[in-house]
Protein backbone atom coordinates (compact mmCIF):
# COMPACT_ATOMS: atom_id res chain seq x y z
CA MET A 1 -9.65 -18.96 2.93
CA ALA A 2 -6.42 -18.98 0.93
CA VAL A 3 -3.31 -16.93 1.64
CA VAL A 4 -1.09 -16.89 -1.44
CA VAL A 5 2.51 -15.70 -1.19
CA ALA A 6 4.18 -15.04 -4.54
CA GLY A 7 7.18 -13.20 -5.83
CA MET A 8 8.58 -12.84 -9.32
CA GLU A 9 5.61 -11.64 -11.36
CA GLY A 10 2.92 -12.42 -8.72
CA ALA A 11 0.49 -14.22 -11.03
CA LEU A 12 -0.21 -17.01 -8.51
CA ALA A 13 -2.90 -15.00 -6.67
CA SER A 14 -4.91 -14.62 -9.88
CA VAL A 15 -4.57 -18.29 -10.74
CA VAL A 16 -5.69 -19.44 -7.29
CA GLY A 17 -8.47 -16.83 -7.23
CA GLY A 18 -9.85 -18.28 -10.44
CA LEU A 19 -9.80 -21.85 -9.11
CA VAL A 20 -11.18 -21.65 -5.56
CA PRO A 21 -14.59 -20.42 -4.35
CA CYS A 22 -13.22 -18.77 -1.19
CA PRO A 23 -11.54 -15.40 -0.55
CA VAL A 24 -7.86 -15.16 -1.52
CA ILE A 25 -5.36 -12.86 0.20
CA GLY A 26 -2.30 -12.15 -1.92
CA VAL A 27 1.08 -11.36 -0.36
CA PRO A 28 3.68 -10.08 -2.82
CA THR A 29 7.28 -10.78 -1.82
CA SER A 30 10.38 -8.75 -2.46
CA ILE A 31 12.21 -11.83 -3.73
CA GLY A 32 12.18 -12.37 -7.48
CA TYR A 33 14.26 -12.76 -10.56
CA GLY A 34 14.80 -10.28 -13.37
CA ALA A 35 13.22 -6.88 -12.91
CA SER A 36 11.09 -7.54 -9.82
CA PHE A 37 11.87 -4.07 -8.40
CA GLY A 38 11.86 -5.28 -4.79
CA GLY A 39 8.31 -6.64 -4.96
CA ILE A 40 6.69 -3.75 -6.85
CA SER A 41 6.17 -5.95 -9.91
CA ALA A 42 4.36 -8.66 -7.91
CA LEU A 43 2.33 -6.04 -6.02
CA LEU A 44 1.09 -4.37 -9.20
CA THR A 45 0.25 -7.72 -10.80
CA MET A 46 -1.81 -8.79 -7.78
CA LEU A 47 -3.59 -5.45 -7.60
CA ASN A 48 -4.59 -5.78 -11.26
CA SER A 49 -6.01 -9.28 -10.86
CA CYS A 50 -9.21 -10.00 -12.78
CA ALA A 51 -10.19 -12.88 -10.48
CA SER A 52 -12.95 -11.97 -8.06
CA GLY A 53 -12.37 -12.35 -4.34
CA VAL A 54 -8.66 -11.50 -4.40
CA SER A 55 -7.42 -8.90 -1.92
CA VAL A 56 -3.81 -7.82 -1.55
CA VAL A 57 -1.64 -6.71 1.37
CA ASN A 58 1.64 -4.84 1.16
CA ILE A 59 4.98 -6.34 0.13
CA ASP A 60 6.28 -8.99 2.59
CA ASN A 61 3.32 -8.39 4.95
CA GLY A 62 2.56 -11.98 5.94
CA PHE A 63 1.42 -10.87 9.39
CA GLY A 64 -1.17 -8.54 7.88
CA ALA A 65 -2.45 -11.32 5.62
CA GLY A 66 -2.79 -13.72 8.53
CA TYR A 67 -4.58 -11.11 10.62
CA GLN A 68 -6.97 -10.31 7.78
CA ALA A 69 -7.69 -14.03 7.32
CA SER A 70 -8.42 -14.30 11.04
CA LEU A 71 -10.90 -11.41 10.87
CA ILE A 72 -12.68 -12.95 7.89
CA ASN A 73 -12.92 -16.30 9.70
CA LYS A 74 -14.33 -14.63 12.84
CA LEU A 75 -16.98 -12.90 10.74
CA ALA A 76 -17.87 -16.16 9.02
CA ILE A 77 -18.24 -17.94 12.37
CA SER A 78 -20.39 -15.17 13.85
CA GLU A 79 -22.62 -15.20 10.74
CA ALA A 80 -23.03 -18.97 11.06
CA SER A 81 -24.12 -18.79 14.72
CA PRO A 82 -25.69 -15.36 15.40
CA GLU A 83 -26.77 -16.32 18.95
CA GLU A 84 -23.12 -16.40 20.07
CA SER A 85 -21.24 -13.13 20.03
CA VAL A 86 -17.56 -13.11 19.07
CA HIS A 87 -16.95 -10.43 21.71
CA GLU A 88 -18.18 -12.43 24.73
CA PRO A 89 -15.49 -13.73 27.10
CA VAL A 90 -14.61 -17.42 26.84
CA GLY A 91 -16.71 -19.47 29.24
CA MET A 92 -19.57 -16.98 29.38
CA LYS A 93 -21.11 -18.56 26.27
CA LYS A 94 -21.88 -21.74 28.20
CA GLY A 95 -23.35 -19.89 31.17
CA LEU A 96 -20.30 -20.38 33.40
CA SER A 97 -19.50 -17.78 36.00
CA PRO A 98 -16.19 -15.91 35.60
CA THR A 99 -14.86 -17.43 38.84
CA ARG A 100 -14.97 -20.93 37.34
CA ILE A 101 -12.81 -20.01 34.33
CA ARG A 102 -9.16 -20.92 34.90
């Protein structure tokens, strides 16, 4: 999983997406030089990426990118071990009773 934060023209997400075999989440920033238009330039560049596996969140939305990365990781873990559910309470996976969890 790669979270790429880029301003200016936002080409970094495409470059990383072409180099790594994992999903890439692009975060355009409102900081840039020249005519960055408050992040619109970086956002449009990331949305038009030709690299596969690149998804994009809104301008300056680092929280959303982190949350999306967390969801992807949870899905990957649940796919790797289907006998354990992601939605079970902690401690119940090992057969512990809820009274023993502190």
